Amino acid sequence: MLRIAIVDDHQIVRAGFRELISDELGFAIAFEASSGEEALEALSGQACDVLLLDLSLPGKSGIDVLRTVRQRYPQTRVLVLSGFPEERYALSMIRNGASGYLCKDCEPAELLAAVHTVHRGGRYLSPRTAQLLADEMLGSAAGSPHESLSEREMQVFVRLAKGASVSAIAEALSLSVKTVSTYRSRLLEKLEVSSNAELAAYAVRNGLIME
């Protein structure tokens, strides 16, 4: 039996995925969670094979959950299911350990195929993500500056863009204030902005956070 966990803060989305998975022979729901904290707590007592993970979660973000799962539960495959199009996050999430990335409006058959693929140890790339990866490899992609950020840089970036202070970010990510300040300086340089307000504007403009 293939055990699947669903992590999404919208009940109606979880219900839709639950119905789809329950109808599939050989699939079982390991657990559901509406936040990153709930997901990690559930994982500590309930193993799962594939984690369906939203990026926009209250508290710990999907990026945080991906990082923790990769470190603590390497046997669990993470399939990111996001409302953001592939251009925004797909390559970054794949680079940082996700086994696949799909938009939530994908066809049910594509989702099931993705689950089977990542459970077998493969990476699932949608046609659009595959094209983005090919363009990058061939050097033909224009590429936005944020696409080159590391996982940790992205974590700090999203928090700064949402208005969190350097000290709050340091506490949340178990880093020193000096380290977070260094990440902030690096982000300003890489994204070619000069303030937190411009970081936030960049994030909104590129669909990385909601207004």
N, C-alpha and C. Protein backbone atom coordinates (compact mmCIF):
# COMPACT_ATOMS: atom_id res chain seq x y z
N MET A 1 0.84 -1.20 0.00
CA MET A 1 0.00 0.00 0.00
C MET A 1 0.87 1.24 0.00
N LEU A 2 0.62 2.14 -0.93
CA LEU A 2 1.38 3.38 -1.04
C LEU A 2 0.75 4.43 -0.14
N ARG A 3 1.51 4.89 0.86
CA ARG A 3 0.98 5.82 1.86
C ARG A 3 1.27 7.26 1.44
N ILE A 4 0.21 8.07 1.38
CA ILE A 4 0.33 9.44 0.90
C ILE A 4 -0.16 10.41 1.97
N ALA A 5 0.59 11.48 2.18
CA ALA A 5 0.18 12.55 3.10
C ALA A 5 -0.17 13.79 2.29
N ILE A 6 -1.16 14.53 2.75
CA ILE A 6 -1.62 15.74 2.07
C ILE A 6 -1.42 16.93 2.99
N VAL A 7 -0.62 17.90 2.56
CA VAL A 7 -0.34 19.08 3.37
C VAL A 7 -0.78 20.32 2.60
N ASP A 8 -1.89 20.89 3.04
CA ASP A 8 -2.44 22.08 2.38
C ASP A 8 -3.34 22.79 3.38
N ASP A 9 -3.30 24.12 3.39
CA ASP A 9 -4.09 24.83 4.39
C ASP A 9 -5.55 25.05 3.99
N HIS A 10 -5.94 24.61 2.79
CA HIS A 10 -7.32 24.75 2.35
C HIS A 10 -8.03 23.40 2.43
N GLN A 11 -9.06 23.36 3.24
CA GLN A 11 -9.78 22.10 3.45
C GLN A 11 -10.37 21.54 2.16
N ILE A 12 -10.87 22.43 1.30
CA ILE A 12 -11.51 21.96 0.07
C ILE A 12 -10.47 21.33 -0.87
N VAL A 13 -9.25 21.85 -0.83
CA VAL A 13 -8.18 21.27 -1.65
C VAL A 13 -7.81 19.89 -1.12
N ARG A 14 -7.67 19.78 0.18
CA ARG A 14 -7.36 18.47 0.79
C ARG A 14 -8.45 17.46 0.47
N ALA A 15 -9.70 17.91 0.53
CA ALA A 15 -10.82 17.01 0.25
C ALA A 15 -10.77 16.50 -1.19
N GLY A 16 -10.41 17.39 -2.11
CA GLY A 16 -10.31 16.97 -3.51
C GLY A 16 -9.22 15.95 -3.74
N PHE A 17 -8.05 16.20 -3.14
CA PHE A 17 -6.95 15.24 -3.28
C PHE A 17 -7.31 13.93 -2.59
N ARG A 18 -7.96 14.03 -1.41
CA ARG A 18 -8.34 12.82 -0.67
C ARG A 18 -9.26 11.94 -1.49
N GLU A 19 -10.24 12.56 -2.12
CA GLU A 19 -11.20 11.80 -2.93
C GLU A 19 -10.50 11.11 -4.09
N LEU A 20 -9.61 11.84 -4.75
CA LEU A 20 -8.88 11.28 -5.88
C LEU A 20 -8.01 10.10 -5.45
N ILE A 21 -7.29 10.27 -4.37
CA ILE A 21 -6.37 9.23 -3.90
C ILE A 21 -7.13 8.01 -3.37
N SER A 22 -8.24 8.25 -2.68
CA SER A 22 -9.02 7.14 -2.11
C SER A 22 -9.62 6.25 -3.19
N ASP A 23 -9.83 6.81 -4.38
CA ASP A 23 -10.40 6.03 -5.48
C ASP A 23 -9.35 5.20 -6.21
N GLU A 24 -8.08 5.45 -5.91
CA GLU A 24 -7.01 4.77 -6.62
C GLU A 24 -6.60 3.50 -5.88
N LEU A 25 -6.64 2.38 -6.55
CA LEU A 25 -6.30 1.10 -5.95
C LEU A 25 -4.83 1.10 -5.50
N GLY A 26 -4.60 0.69 -4.25
CA GLY A 26 -3.25 0.59 -3.73
C GLY A 26 -2.75 1.85 -3.07
N PHE A 27 -3.60 2.91 -3.02
CA PHE A 27 -3.24 4.15 -2.36
C PHE A 27 -3.96 4.26 -1.03
N ALA A 28 -3.31 4.85 -0.04
CA ALA A 28 -3.94 5.08 1.25
C ALA A 28 -3.47 6.43 1.79
N ILE A 29 -4.36 7.12 2.51
CA ILE A 29 -4.00 8.40 3.12
C ILE A 29 -3.30 8.13 4.44
N ALA A 30 -2.05 8.56 4.56
CA ALA A 30 -1.31 8.39 5.81
C ALA A 30 -1.80 9.41 6.83
N PHE A 31 -1.89 10.69 6.40
CA PHE A 31 -2.43 11.74 7.25
C PHE A 31 -2.64 13.00 6.42
N GLU A 32 -3.37 13.94 7.00
CA GLU A 32 -3.55 15.26 6.39
C GLU A 32 -3.07 16.31 7.39
N ALA A 33 -2.60 17.44 6.88
CA ALA A 33 -2.15 18.54 7.74
C ALA A 33 -2.46 19.85 7.06
N SER A 34 -2.78 20.86 7.88
CA SER A 34 -3.12 22.17 7.34
C SER A 34 -2.01 23.20 7.55
N SER A 35 -0.90 22.79 8.14
CA SER A 35 0.23 23.68 8.35
C SER A 35 1.52 22.89 8.32
N GLY A 36 2.64 23.60 8.20
CA GLY A 36 3.92 22.94 8.22
C GLY A 36 4.20 22.26 9.54
N GLU A 37 3.83 22.93 10.62
CA GLU A 37 4.05 22.36 11.96
C GLU A 37 3.27 21.06 12.14
N GLU A 38 2.00 21.06 11.70
CA GLU A 38 1.18 19.84 11.81
C GLU A 38 1.79 18.71 10.99
N ALA A 39 2.29 19.04 9.82
CA ALA A 39 2.87 18.02 8.95
C ALA A 39 4.09 17.37 9.60
N LEU A 40 4.97 18.18 10.15
CA LEU A 40 6.19 17.64 10.75
C LEU A 40 5.89 16.85 12.02
N GLU A 41 4.90 17.30 12.77
CA GLU A 41 4.49 16.55 13.96
C GLU A 41 3.92 15.19 13.56
N ALA A 42 3.09 15.18 12.52
CA ALA A 42 2.49 13.92 12.06
C ALA A 42 3.57 12.97 11.54
N LEU A 43 4.55 13.51 10.83
CA LEU A 43 5.61 12.68 10.28
C LEU A 43 6.44 12.00 11.36
N SER A 44 6.52 12.63 12.52
CA SER A 44 7.32 12.05 13.60
C SER A 44 6.70 10.76 14.13
N GLY A 45 5.41 10.56 13.88
CA GLY A 45 4.77 9.35 14.38
C GLY A 45 4.09 8.51 13.32
N GLN A 46 4.06 9.00 12.08
CA GLN A 46 3.36 8.30 11.01
C GLN A 46 4.16 8.41 9.72
N ALA A 47 4.75 7.31 9.29
CA ALA A 47 5.55 7.33 8.06
C ALA A 47 4.66 7.47 6.84
N CYS A 48 5.20 8.07 5.80
CA CYS A 48 4.48 8.12 4.53
C CYS A 48 5.50 7.98 3.40
N ASP A 49 5.01 7.54 2.26
CA ASP A 49 5.89 7.33 1.11
C ASP A 49 6.01 8.59 0.26
N VAL A 50 4.89 9.27 0.05
CA VAL A 50 4.86 10.48 -0.77
C VAL A 50 4.12 11.57 -0.04
N LEU A 51 4.73 12.74 0.05
CA LEU A 51 4.13 13.89 0.72
C LEU A 51 3.71 14.89 -0.35
N LEU A 52 2.41 15.15 -0.44
CA LEU A 52 1.90 16.18 -1.35
C LEU A 52 1.94 17.49 -0.59
N LEU A 53 2.76 18.43 -1.04
CA LEU A 53 3.08 19.61 -0.24
C LEU A 53 2.76 20.91 -0.96
N ASP A 54 1.94 21.73 -0.32
CA ASP A 54 1.70 23.09 -0.80
C ASP A 54 2.84 23.98 -0.32
N LEU A 55 3.14 25.04 -1.06
CA LEU A 55 4.21 25.95 -0.65
C LEU A 55 3.72 27.02 0.31
N SER A 56 2.50 27.51 0.09
CA SER A 56 1.97 28.61 0.90
C SER A 56 1.21 28.06 2.09
N LEU A 57 1.90 27.97 3.22
CA LEU A 57 1.30 27.43 4.43
C LEU A 57 1.45 28.44 5.56
N PRO A 58 0.52 28.42 6.52
CA PRO A 58 0.69 29.28 7.69
C PRO A 58 1.85 28.75 8.55
N GLY A 59 2.56 29.65 9.23
CA GLY A 59 3.69 29.22 10.04
C GLY A 59 4.84 28.80 9.15
N LYS A 60 5.35 27.59 9.37
CA LYS A 60 6.43 27.09 8.53
C LYS A 60 5.95 26.97 7.09
N SER A 61 6.72 27.52 6.17
CA SER A 61 6.34 27.46 4.77
C SER A 61 6.63 26.09 4.17
N GLY A 62 6.13 25.86 2.98
CA GLY A 62 6.43 24.61 2.30
C GLY A 62 7.92 24.44 2.06
N ILE A 63 8.62 25.55 1.84
CA ILE A 63 10.08 25.48 1.66
C ILE A 63 10.74 24.95 2.93
N ASP A 64 10.27 25.43 4.10
CA ASP A 64 10.81 24.95 5.37
C ASP A 64 10.53 23.45 5.55
N VAL A 65 9.31 23.05 5.23
CA VAL A 65 8.93 21.64 5.40
C VAL A 65 9.78 20.77 4.48
N LEU A 66 9.96 21.19 3.25
CA LEU A 66 10.79 20.42 2.31
C LEU A 66 12.19 20.21 2.86
N ARG A 67 12.77 21.26 3.40
CA ARG A 67 14.12 21.17 3.95
C ARG A 67 14.18 20.17 5.10
N THR A 68 13.20 20.24 6.01
CA THR A 68 13.20 19.35 7.18
C THR A 68 12.96 17.91 6.78
N VAL A 69 12.02 17.69 5.87
CA VAL A 69 11.73 16.32 5.42
C VAL A 69 12.97 15.72 4.76
N ARG A 70 13.62 16.49 3.94
CA ARG A 70 14.82 15.99 3.26
C ARG A 70 15.89 15.58 4.27
N GLN A 71 16.01 16.34 5.36
CA GLN A 71 17.04 16.05 6.36
C GLN A 71 16.65 14.90 7.28
N ARG A 72 15.39 14.88 7.74
CA ARG A 72 14.98 13.91 8.76
C ARG A 72 14.36 12.65 8.18
N TYR A 73 13.70 12.76 7.04
CA TYR A 73 12.96 11.63 6.48
C TYR A 73 13.33 11.45 5.01
N PRO A 74 14.58 11.11 4.73
CA PRO A 74 15.04 11.03 3.34
C PRO A 74 14.29 9.99 2.51
N GLN A 75 13.64 9.05 3.17
CA GLN A 75 12.90 8.02 2.43
C GLN A 75 11.56 8.55 1.92
N THR A 76 11.11 9.69 2.43
CA THR A 76 9.84 10.26 2.01
C THR A 76 10.05 11.15 0.79
N ARG A 77 9.30 10.89 -0.27
CA ARG A 77 9.38 11.69 -1.48
C ARG A 77 8.42 12.87 -1.37
N VAL A 78 8.87 14.04 -1.75
CA VAL A 78 8.04 15.25 -1.67
C VAL A 78 7.64 15.69 -3.07
N LEU A 79 6.34 15.74 -3.30
CA LEU A 79 5.79 16.23 -4.56
C LEU A 79 5.10 17.55 -4.26
N VAL A 80 5.66 18.63 -4.77
CA VAL A 80 5.10 19.96 -4.52
C VAL A 80 3.90 20.19 -5.42
N LEU A 81 2.78 20.56 -4.82
CA LEU A 81 1.56 20.92 -5.56
C LEU A 81 1.22 22.36 -5.18
N SER A 82 1.43 23.26 -6.12
CA SER A 82 1.34 24.68 -5.80
C SER A 82 0.39 25.42 -6.72
N GLY A 83 -0.14 26.53 -6.20
CA GLY A 83 -0.94 27.42 -7.02
C GLY A 83 -0.08 28.31 -7.88
N PHE A 84 1.23 28.35 -7.59
CA PHE A 84 2.15 29.16 -8.38
C PHE A 84 2.57 28.40 -9.64
N PRO A 85 2.63 29.05 -10.80
CA PRO A 85 3.06 28.37 -12.02
C PRO A 85 4.51 27.93 -11.94
N GLU A 86 4.89 27.03 -12.81
CA GLU A 86 6.22 26.43 -12.77
C GLU A 86 7.34 27.47 -12.84
N GLU A 87 7.11 28.54 -13.60
CA GLU A 87 8.16 29.55 -13.76
C GLU A 87 8.58 30.16 -12.43
N ARG A 88 7.71 30.14 -11.45
CA ARG A 88 8.00 30.83 -10.19
C ARG A 88 8.92 30.02 -9.27
N TYR A 89 8.60 28.72 -9.11
CA TYR A 89 9.28 27.95 -8.08
C TYR A 89 9.81 26.58 -8.52
N ALA A 90 9.36 26.06 -9.64
CA ALA A 90 9.62 24.66 -9.96
C ALA A 90 11.10 24.29 -9.93
N LEU A 91 11.93 25.02 -10.66
CA LEU A 91 13.34 24.66 -10.73
C LEU A 91 14.02 24.79 -9.37
N SER A 92 13.65 25.83 -8.63
CA SER A 92 14.23 26.00 -7.30
C SER A 92 13.88 24.85 -6.39
N MET A 93 12.62 24.40 -6.41
CA MET A 93 12.20 23.31 -5.55
C MET A 93 12.86 21.98 -5.95
N ILE A 94 13.00 21.75 -7.25
CA ILE A 94 13.65 20.53 -7.72
C ILE A 94 15.12 20.53 -7.29
N ARG A 95 15.78 21.67 -7.45
CA ARG A 95 17.19 21.76 -7.03
C ARG A 95 17.36 21.49 -5.55
N ASN A 96 16.36 21.86 -4.77
CA ASN A 96 16.48 21.76 -3.32
C ASN A 96 15.83 20.51 -2.73
N GLY A 97 15.59 19.52 -3.55
CA GLY A 97 15.22 18.23 -3.02
C GLY A 97 13.82 17.72 -3.30
N ALA A 98 12.96 18.55 -3.90
CA ALA A 98 11.62 18.04 -4.24
C ALA A 98 11.74 17.00 -5.35
N SER A 99 10.89 15.98 -5.28
CA SER A 99 10.92 14.94 -6.31
C SER A 99 10.07 15.31 -7.51
N GLY A 100 9.28 16.38 -7.37
CA GLY A 100 8.47 16.82 -8.49
C GLY A 100 7.72 18.09 -8.14
N TYR A 101 7.19 18.74 -9.16
CA TYR A 101 6.46 20.00 -8.98
C TYR A 101 5.30 20.02 -9.96
N LEU A 102 4.09 20.22 -9.43
CA LEU A 102 2.89 20.32 -10.27
C LEU A 102 2.04 21.50 -9.83
N CYS A 103 1.35 22.09 -10.77
CA CYS A 103 0.36 23.10 -10.42
C CYS A 103 -0.92 22.40 -9.97
N LYS A 104 -1.67 23.04 -9.07
CA LYS A 104 -2.86 22.41 -8.51
C LYS A 104 -3.95 22.18 -9.55
N ASP A 105 -3.89 22.89 -10.66
CA ASP A 105 -4.93 22.71 -11.68
C ASP A 105 -4.56 21.62 -12.69
N CYS A 106 -3.57 20.79 -12.34
CA CYS A 106 -3.19 19.70 -13.24
C CYS A 106 -4.31 18.67 -13.34
N GLU A 107 -4.26 17.86 -14.37
CA GLU A 107 -5.26 16.81 -14.55
C GLU A 107 -5.04 15.70 -13.52
N PRO A 108 -6.12 15.06 -13.03
CA PRO A 108 -5.96 13.98 -12.06
C PRO A 108 -5.01 12.88 -12.53
N ALA A 109 -5.07 12.55 -13.81
CA ALA A 109 -4.19 11.49 -14.33
C ALA A 109 -2.73 11.88 -14.21
N GLU A 110 -2.43 13.17 -14.40
CA GLU A 110 -1.04 13.62 -14.29
C GLU A 110 -0.57 13.53 -12.85
N LEU A 111 -1.44 13.89 -11.90
CA LEU A 111 -1.07 13.80 -10.48
C LEU A 111 -0.79 12.36 -10.09
N LEU A 112 -1.64 11.44 -10.50
CA LEU A 112 -1.43 10.04 -10.16
C LEU A 112 -0.15 9.50 -10.79
N ALA A 113 0.11 9.90 -12.03
CA ALA A 113 1.35 9.48 -12.69
C ALA A 113 2.56 10.03 -11.95
N ALA A 114 2.46 11.28 -11.47
CA ALA A 114 3.56 11.89 -10.73
C ALA A 114 3.82 11.16 -9.43
N VAL A 115 2.76 10.79 -8.72
CA VAL A 115 2.90 10.06 -7.46
C VAL A 115 3.62 8.73 -7.69
N HIS A 116 3.19 8.00 -8.72
CA HIS A 116 3.84 6.72 -9.02
C HIS A 116 5.31 6.91 -9.38
N THR A 117 5.59 7.96 -10.15
CA THR A 117 6.97 8.20 -10.59
C THR A 117 7.89 8.51 -9.42
N VAL A 118 7.48 9.41 -8.55
CA VAL A 118 8.36 9.78 -7.43
C VAL A 118 8.47 8.65 -6.42
N HIS A 119 7.39 7.85 -6.27
CA HIS A 119 7.47 6.71 -5.34
C HIS A 119 8.49 5.69 -5.80
N ARG A 120 8.67 5.57 -7.12
CA ARG A 120 9.66 4.64 -7.66
C ARG A 120 11.08 5.22 -7.61
N GLY A 121 11.20 6.44 -7.08
CA GLY A 121 12.52 7.04 -6.95
C GLY A 121 12.89 7.99 -8.06
N GLY A 122 11.93 8.24 -8.99
CA GLY A 122 12.23 9.14 -10.09
C GLY A 122 11.86 10.57 -9.76
N ARG A 123 12.15 11.47 -10.67
CA ARG A 123 11.75 12.87 -10.58
C ARG A 123 10.64 13.09 -11.60
N TYR A 124 9.57 13.74 -11.15
CA TYR A 124 8.51 14.03 -12.10
C TYR A 124 8.59 15.48 -12.54
N LEU A 125 8.75 15.67 -13.84
CA LEU A 125 8.79 17.00 -14.41
C LEU A 125 7.61 17.16 -15.37
N SER A 126 6.78 18.17 -15.13
CA SER A 126 5.71 18.45 -16.07
C SER A 126 6.35 18.91 -17.38
N PRO A 127 5.62 18.87 -18.48
CA PRO A 127 6.20 19.35 -19.75
C PRO A 127 6.77 20.76 -19.64
N ARG A 128 6.08 21.64 -18.90
CA ARG A 128 6.56 23.01 -18.77
C ARG A 128 7.85 23.07 -17.96
N THR A 129 7.92 22.31 -16.85
CA THR A 129 9.13 22.29 -16.04
C THR A 129 10.29 21.70 -16.83
N ALA A 130 10.01 20.65 -17.59
CA ALA A 130 11.06 20.04 -18.41
C ALA A 130 11.60 21.04 -19.42
N GLN A 131 10.72 21.86 -19.99
CA GLN A 131 11.16 22.88 -20.94
C GLN A 131 12.01 23.94 -20.27
N LEU A 132 11.59 24.35 -19.06
CA LEU A 132 12.38 25.33 -18.31
C LEU A 132 13.77 24.79 -18.00
N LEU A 133 13.83 23.51 -17.61
CA LEU A 133 15.12 22.89 -17.30
C LEU A 133 15.99 22.79 -18.55
N ALA A 134 15.38 22.42 -19.67
CA ALA A 134 16.13 22.32 -20.92
C ALA A 134 16.66 23.68 -21.34
N ASP A 135 15.83 24.71 -21.22
CA ASP A 135 16.27 26.07 -21.57
C ASP A 135 17.44 26.50 -20.71
N GLU A 136 17.36 26.15 -19.43
CA GLU A 136 18.44 26.52 -18.51
C GLU A 136 19.74 25.81 -18.89
N MET A 137 19.64 24.53 -19.19
CA MET A 137 20.83 23.75 -19.53
C MET A 137 21.47 24.24 -20.84
N LEU A 138 20.61 24.69 -21.76
CA LEU A 138 21.11 25.15 -23.05
C LEU A 138 21.51 26.62 -23.03
N GLY A 139 21.24 27.26 -21.87
CA GLY A 139 21.61 28.66 -21.75
C GLY A 139 20.71 29.60 -22.49
N SER A 140 19.49 29.14 -22.85
CA SER A 140 18.59 29.99 -23.62
C SER A 140 17.51 30.62 -22.78
N ALA A 141 17.48 30.31 -21.48
CA ALA A 141 16.45 30.89 -20.63
C ALA A 141 16.87 32.26 -20.14
N ALA A 142 15.92 33.18 -20.16
CA ALA A 142 16.22 34.52 -19.66
C ALA A 142 16.52 34.43 -18.17
N GLY A 143 15.67 33.71 -17.44
CA GLY A 143 15.91 33.47 -16.03
C GLY A 143 15.76 34.71 -15.17
N SER A 144 14.90 34.62 -14.17
CA SER A 144 14.75 35.71 -13.22
C SER A 144 15.80 35.56 -12.13
N PRO A 145 16.24 36.67 -11.53
CA PRO A 145 17.30 36.60 -10.51
C PRO A 145 16.98 35.65 -9.36
N HIS A 146 15.70 35.59 -8.94
CA HIS A 146 15.37 34.75 -7.78
C HIS A 146 15.52 33.26 -8.07
N GLU A 147 15.55 32.88 -9.34
CA GLU A 147 15.66 31.46 -9.68
C GLU A 147 17.03 30.89 -9.32
N SER A 148 18.00 31.76 -9.11
CA SER A 148 19.35 31.30 -8.76
C SER A 148 19.58 31.24 -7.26
N LEU A 149 18.56 31.62 -6.46
CA LEU A 149 18.74 31.64 -5.01
C LEU A 149 18.82 30.22 -4.45
N SER A 150 19.63 30.07 -3.41
CA SER A 150 19.69 28.79 -2.72
C SER A 150 18.43 28.61 -1.88
N GLU A 151 18.25 27.41 -1.36
CA GLU A 151 17.08 27.14 -0.52
C GLU A 151 17.04 28.07 0.69
N ARG A 152 18.17 28.24 1.36
CA ARG A 152 18.20 29.08 2.55
C ARG A 152 17.97 30.55 2.18
N GLU A 153 18.55 30.99 1.08
CA GLU A 153 18.31 32.35 0.62
C GLU A 153 16.83 32.58 0.33
N MET A 154 16.19 31.59 -0.26
CA MET A 154 14.77 31.72 -0.56
C MET A 154 13.94 31.79 0.72
N GLN A 155 14.31 31.01 1.72
CA GLN A 155 13.61 31.05 2.99
C GLN A 155 13.69 32.45 3.61
N VAL A 156 14.89 33.01 3.63
CA VAL A 156 15.07 34.34 4.20
C VAL A 156 14.35 35.39 3.36
N PHE A 157 14.46 35.26 2.05
CA PHE A 157 13.83 36.21 1.13
C PHE A 157 12.33 36.30 1.35
N VAL A 158 11.66 35.14 1.38
CA VAL A 158 10.21 35.14 1.52
C VAL A 158 9.79 35.76 2.85
N ARG A 159 10.53 35.47 3.90
CA ARG A 159 10.20 36.04 5.21
C ARG A 159 10.41 37.56 5.24
N LEU A 160 11.52 38.01 4.68
CA LEU A 160 11.75 39.45 4.61
C LEU A 160 10.66 40.14 3.80
N ALA A 161 10.28 39.51 2.69
CA ALA A 161 9.26 40.09 1.82
C ALA A 161 7.90 40.19 2.51
N LYS A 162 7.66 39.27 3.46
CA LYS A 162 6.41 39.28 4.20
C LYS A 162 6.46 40.21 5.40
N GLY A 163 7.61 40.86 5.62
CA GLY A 163 7.70 41.85 6.69
C GLY A 163 8.34 41.39 7.98
N ALA A 164 8.88 40.17 8.01
CA ALA A 164 9.52 39.68 9.23
C ALA A 164 10.83 40.41 9.48
N SER A 165 11.15 40.61 10.73
CA SER A 165 12.40 41.27 11.09
C SER A 165 13.56 40.28 11.02
N VAL A 166 14.76 40.81 10.97
CA VAL A 166 15.95 39.96 10.93
C VAL A 166 16.01 39.07 12.17
N SER A 167 15.70 39.63 13.34
CA SER A 167 15.75 38.83 14.57
C SER A 167 14.70 37.74 14.58
N ALA A 168 13.50 38.03 14.06
CA ALA A 168 12.44 37.02 14.00
C ALA A 168 12.82 35.89 13.05
N ILE A 169 13.44 36.25 11.94
CA ILE A 169 13.88 35.24 10.98
C ILE A 169 14.97 34.38 11.59
N ALA A 170 15.89 35.02 12.29
CA ALA A 170 16.98 34.27 12.93
C ALA A 170 16.42 33.24 13.90
N GLU A 171 15.42 33.63 14.68
CA GLU A 171 14.82 32.71 15.64
C GLU A 171 14.09 31.57 14.93
N ALA A 172 13.32 31.92 13.89
CA ALA A 172 12.53 30.91 13.19
C ALA A 172 13.41 29.88 12.49
N LEU A 173 14.55 30.31 11.96
CA LEU A 173 15.41 29.41 11.19
C LEU A 173 16.61 28.90 12.00
N SER A 174 16.64 29.24 13.29
CA SER A 174 17.74 28.82 14.17
C SER A 174 19.10 29.27 13.63
N LEU A 175 19.14 30.54 13.25
CA LEU A 175 20.37 31.14 12.76
C LEU A 175 20.72 32.34 13.64
N SER A 176 21.93 32.82 13.55
CA SER A 176 22.30 34.04 14.27
C SER A 176 21.79 35.25 13.50
N VAL A 177 21.61 36.35 14.23
CA VAL A 177 21.17 37.59 13.59
C VAL A 177 22.20 38.03 12.54
N LYS A 178 23.48 37.85 12.85
CA LYS A 178 24.53 38.22 11.92
C LYS A 178 24.43 37.43 10.62
N THR A 179 24.13 36.13 10.73
CA THR A 179 24.01 35.29 9.54
C THR A 179 22.84 35.73 8.68
N VAL A 180 21.70 36.02 9.31
CA VAL A 180 20.54 36.47 8.55
C VAL A 180 20.83 37.81 7.89
N SER A 181 21.52 38.69 8.58
CA SER A 181 21.89 39.99 8.01
C SER A 181 22.77 39.79 6.77
N THR A 182 23.66 38.79 6.84
CA THR A 182 24.51 38.50 5.69
C THR A 182 23.67 38.01 4.53
N TYR A 183 22.70 37.13 4.81
CA TYR A 183 21.79 36.66 3.76
C TYR A 183 21.02 37.84 3.16
N ARG A 184 20.58 38.75 4.01
CA ARG A 184 19.83 39.91 3.52
C ARG A 184 20.68 40.73 2.56
N SER A 185 21.91 40.99 2.93
CA SER A 185 22.81 41.77 2.07
C SER A 185 23.03 41.07 0.73
N ARG A 186 23.17 39.74 0.80
CA ARG A 186 23.38 38.96 -0.41
C ARG A 186 22.15 39.02 -1.31
N LEU A 187 20.96 38.97 -0.69
CA LEU A 187 19.71 39.05 -1.45
C LEU A 187 19.56 40.39 -2.15
N LEU A 188 19.86 41.46 -1.43
CA LEU A 188 19.76 42.80 -2.03
C LEU A 188 20.65 42.89 -3.26
N GLU A 189 21.84 42.31 -3.14
CA GLU A 189 22.78 42.34 -4.27
C GLU A 189 22.30 41.48 -5.43
N LYS A 190 21.88 40.25 -5.13
CA LYS A 190 21.47 39.34 -6.21
C LYS A 190 20.21 39.80 -6.92
N LEU A 191 19.28 40.38 -6.17
CA LEU A 191 18.02 40.80 -6.76
C LEU A 191 18.04 42.26 -7.23
N GLU A 192 19.18 42.91 -7.00
CA GLU A 192 19.40 44.28 -7.47
C GLU A 192 18.35 45.24 -6.91
N VAL A 193 18.13 45.14 -5.60
CA VAL A 193 17.24 46.06 -4.90
C VAL A 193 18.00 46.65 -3.72
N SER A 194 17.40 47.66 -3.06
CA SER A 194 18.15 48.35 -2.02
C SER A 194 17.47 48.40 -0.66
N SER A 195 16.29 47.77 -0.53
CA SER A 195 15.58 47.83 0.75
C SER A 195 14.62 46.66 0.88
N ASN A 196 14.11 46.45 2.10
CA ASN A 196 13.12 45.41 2.33
C ASN A 196 11.84 45.69 1.54
N ALA A 197 11.50 46.97 1.42
CA ALA A 197 10.30 47.34 0.67
C ALA A 197 10.44 46.92 -0.80
N GLU A 198 11.64 47.11 -1.34
CA GLU A 198 11.85 46.70 -2.73
C GLU A 198 11.90 45.18 -2.86
N LEU A 199 12.40 44.50 -1.81
CA LEU A 199 12.33 43.04 -1.80
C LEU A 199 10.88 42.56 -1.87
N ALA A 200 10.02 43.19 -1.05
CA ALA A 200 8.60 42.83 -1.03
C ALA A 200 7.95 43.10 -2.38
N ALA A 201 8.27 44.26 -2.98
CA ALA A 201 7.70 44.60 -4.28
C ALA A 201 8.14 43.59 -5.35
N TYR A 202 9.41 43.18 -5.26
CA TYR A 202 9.92 42.17 -6.20
C TYR A 202 9.14 40.86 -6.04
N ALA A 203 8.95 40.46 -4.78
CA ALA A 203 8.26 39.19 -4.50
C ALA A 203 6.82 39.22 -5.03
N VAL A 204 6.13 40.32 -4.82
CA VAL A 204 4.75 40.45 -5.30
C VAL A 204 4.73 40.45 -6.83
N ARG A 205 5.63 41.22 -7.42
CA ARG A 205 5.68 41.35 -8.88
C ARG A 205 5.92 40.00 -9.56
N ASN A 206 6.70 39.16 -8.91
CA ASN A 206 7.01 37.85 -9.49
C ASN A 206 6.12 36.73 -8.97
N GLY A 207 5.09 37.10 -8.21
CA GLY A 207 4.14 36.10 -7.75
C GLY A 207 4.65 35.17 -6.68
N LEU A 208 5.70 35.58 -5.96
CA LEU A 208 6.28 34.73 -4.92
C LEU A 208 5.52 34.83 -3.62
N ILE A 209 4.86 35.95 -3.41
CA ILE A 209 3.95 36.12 -2.27
C ILE A 209 2.73 36.87 -2.77
N MET A 210 1.64 36.77 -2.00
CA MET A 210 0.43 37.50 -2.36
C MET A 210 0.46 38.88 -1.71
N GLU A 211 -0.18 39.83 -2.36
CA GLU A 211 -0.26 41.18 -1.78
C GLU A 211 -1.13 41.16 -0.52
